[in-house]
Amino acid sequence: SMIGHLLGAAGGVEAISTILSLHHQIIPPTINLDTQDLECDLDYVPHAARDVSIEAAISNSFGFGGTNGSLVFRRLQ
């Protein structure tokens, strides 16, 4: 984690991070990812942000006791 666990504020910080990614058109990196699992066919973004064209993004939050939520954000046209 880049900022630790913020308990009740974690979802808000994730939402702001998602909005900033849409605004700046970048995907933030997965820090400390040195070895990728070859069996997982995922588009990893290790160590450095990637410039991309993003039209929509989803922010998932998972809390204690099964409290979960998702927000979908889209760029204004």
C-alpha atoms as a PDB file:
ATOM      1  CA  SER A   1       0.000   0.000   0.000  1.00  0.00           C
ATOM      2  CA  MET A   2       1.172   3.501  -0.760  1.00  0.00           C
ATOM      3  CA  ILE A   3      -0.813   5.140   2.044  1.00  0.00           C
ATOM      4  CA  GLY A   4      -1.794   2.381   4.456  1.00  0.00           C
ATOM      5  CA  HIS A   5      -5.337   1.470   5.487  1.00  0.00           C
ATOM      6  CA  LEU A   6      -7.546   4.466   6.140  1.00  0.00           C
ATOM      7  CA  LEU A   7     -10.529   2.513   7.481  1.00  0.00           C
ATOM      8  CA  GLY A   8     -13.637   4.657   6.843  1.00  0.00           C
ATOM      9  CA  ALA A   9     -11.787   7.096   4.586  1.00  0.00           C
ATOM     10  CA  ALA A  10     -10.383   4.405   2.270  1.00  0.00           C
ATOM     11  CA  GLY A  11     -13.319   4.498  -0.164  1.00  0.00           C
ATOM     12  CA  GLY A  12     -13.138   8.276  -0.495  1.00  0.00           C
ATOM     13  CA  VAL A  13      -9.413   8.215  -1.189  1.00  0.00           C
ATOM     14  CA  GLU A  14      -9.913   5.450  -3.776  1.00  0.00           C
ATOM     15  CA  ALA A  15     -12.659   7.495  -5.470  1.00  0.00           C
ATOM     16  CA  ILE A  16     -10.431  10.580  -5.612  1.00  0.00           C
ATOM     17  CA  SER A  17      -7.560   8.510  -7.010  1.00  0.00           C
ATOM     18  CA  THR A  18      -9.876   7.139  -9.708  1.00  0.00           C
ATOM     19  CA  ILE A  19     -11.110  10.621 -10.632  1.00  0.00           C
ATOM     20  CA  LEU A  20      -7.530  11.916 -10.822  1.00  0.00           C
ATOM     21  CA  SER A  21      -6.593   9.007 -13.103  1.00  0.00           C
ATOM     22  CA  LEU A  22      -9.442   9.959 -15.440  1.00  0.00           C
ATOM     23  CA  HIS A  23      -8.480  13.639 -15.329  1.00  0.00           C
ATOM     24  CA  HIS A  24      -4.755  13.090 -15.968  1.00  0.00           C
ATOM     25  CA  GLN A  25      -5.278  10.077 -18.270  1.00  0.00           C
ATOM     26  CA  ILE A  26      -2.827   7.811 -16.413  1.00  0.00           C
ATOM     27  CA  ILE A  27      -2.988   4.414 -14.759  1.00  0.00           C
ATOM     28  CA  PRO A  28      -1.177   4.487 -11.417  1.00  0.00           C
ATOM     29  CA  PRO A  29       1.434   1.777 -10.863  1.00  0.00           C
ATOM     30  CA  THR A  30       1.254  -1.338  -8.766  1.00  0.00           C
ATOM     31  CA  ILE A  31       4.146  -0.673  -6.416  1.00  0.00           C
ATOM     32  CA  ASN A  32       6.532  -3.455  -5.381  1.00  0.00           C
ATOM     33  CA  LEU A  33       5.428  -5.765  -8.206  1.00  0.00           C
ATOM     34  CA  ASP A  34       8.660  -7.481  -9.172  1.00  0.00           C
ATOM     35  CA  THR A  35       7.445 -10.931 -10.228  1.00  0.00           C
ATOM     36  CA  GLN A  36       4.285 -11.288 -12.279  1.00  0.00           C
ATOM     37  CA  ASP A  37       2.257 -14.513 -12.193  1.00  0.00           C
ATOM     38  CA  LEU A  38       2.520 -15.897 -15.731  1.00  0.00           C
ATOM     39  CA  GLU A  39      -0.747 -17.823 -15.275  1.00  0.00           C
ATOM     40  CA  CYS A  40      -2.662 -14.561 -14.728  1.00  0.00           C
ATOM     41  CA  ASP A  41      -3.251 -12.906 -18.089  1.00  0.00           C
ATOM     42  CA  LEU A  42      -3.504  -9.371 -16.703  1.00  0.00           C
ATOM     43  CA  ASP A  43      -2.227  -6.046 -18.009  1.00  0.00           C
ATOM     44  CA  TYR A  44       0.056  -5.228 -15.083  1.00  0.00           C
ATOM     45  CA  VAL A  45       1.408  -1.701 -14.536  1.00  0.00           C
ATOM     46  CA  PRO A  46       4.518  -2.291 -12.416  1.00  0.00           C
ATOM     47  CA  HIS A  47       6.584   0.496 -10.781  1.00  0.00           C
ATOM     48  CA  ALA A  48       5.674   3.459 -13.067  1.00  0.00           C
ATOM     49  CA  ALA A  49       2.418   5.086 -14.144  1.00  0.00           C
ATOM     50  CA  ARG A  50       1.257   4.555 -17.722  1.00  0.00           C
ATOM     51  CA  ASP A  51      -0.222   7.218 -20.012  1.00  0.00           C
ATOM     52  CA  VAL A  52      -3.422   5.908 -21.610  1.00  0.00           C
ATOM     53  CA  SER A  53      -6.748   7.097 -22.925  1.00  0.00           C
ATOM     54  CA  ILE A  54      -9.356   6.411 -20.238  1.00  0.00           C
ATOM     55  CA  GLU A  55     -13.072   6.987 -20.808  1.00  0.00           C
ATOM     56  CA  ALA A  56     -14.427   5.204 -17.725  1.00  0.00           C
ATOM     57  CA  ALA A  57     -13.060   3.623 -14.548  1.00  0.00           C
ATOM     58  CA  ILE A  58     -14.402   1.637 -11.617  1.00  0.00           C
ATOM     59  CA  SER A  59     -13.422   1.992  -7.969  1.00  0.00           C
ATOM     60  CA  ASN A  60     -14.069  -1.037  -5.758  1.00  0.00           C
ATOM     61  CA  SER A  61     -13.974  -0.848  -1.971  1.00  0.00           C
ATOM     62  CA  PHE A  62     -13.961  -3.884   0.295  1.00  0.00           C
ATOM     63  CA  GLY A  63     -14.509  -3.415   4.024  1.00  0.00           C
ATOM     64  CA  PHE A  64     -14.593  -5.437   7.185  1.00  0.00           C
ATOM     65  CA  GLY A  65     -17.525  -7.783   7.637  1.00  0.00           C
ATOM     66  CA  GLY A  66     -18.411  -7.938   3.941  1.00  0.00           C
ATOM     67  CA  THR A  67     -19.201  -4.240   3.488  1.00  0.00           C
ATOM     68  CA  ASN A  68     -18.441  -3.663  -0.190  1.00  0.00           C
ATOM     69  CA  GLY A  69     -19.166  -0.951  -2.718  1.00  0.00           C
ATOM     70  CA  SER A  70     -18.339   0.046  -6.281  1.00  0.00           C
ATOM     71  CA  LEU A  71     -18.429   3.386  -8.073  1.00  0.00           C
ATOM     72  CA  VAL A  72     -18.181   3.878 -11.835  1.00  0.00           C
ATOM     73  CA  PHE A  73     -16.786   7.168 -13.128  1.00  0.00           C
ATOM     74  CA  ARG A  74     -16.858   8.452 -16.705  1.00  0.00           C
ATOM     75  CA  ARG A  75     -15.201  11.421 -18.385  1.00  0.00           C
ATOM     76  CA  LEU A  76     -17.503  14.252 -19.393  1.00  0.00           C
ATOM     77  CA  GLN A  77     -17.858  14.624 -23.135  1.00  0.00           C
END
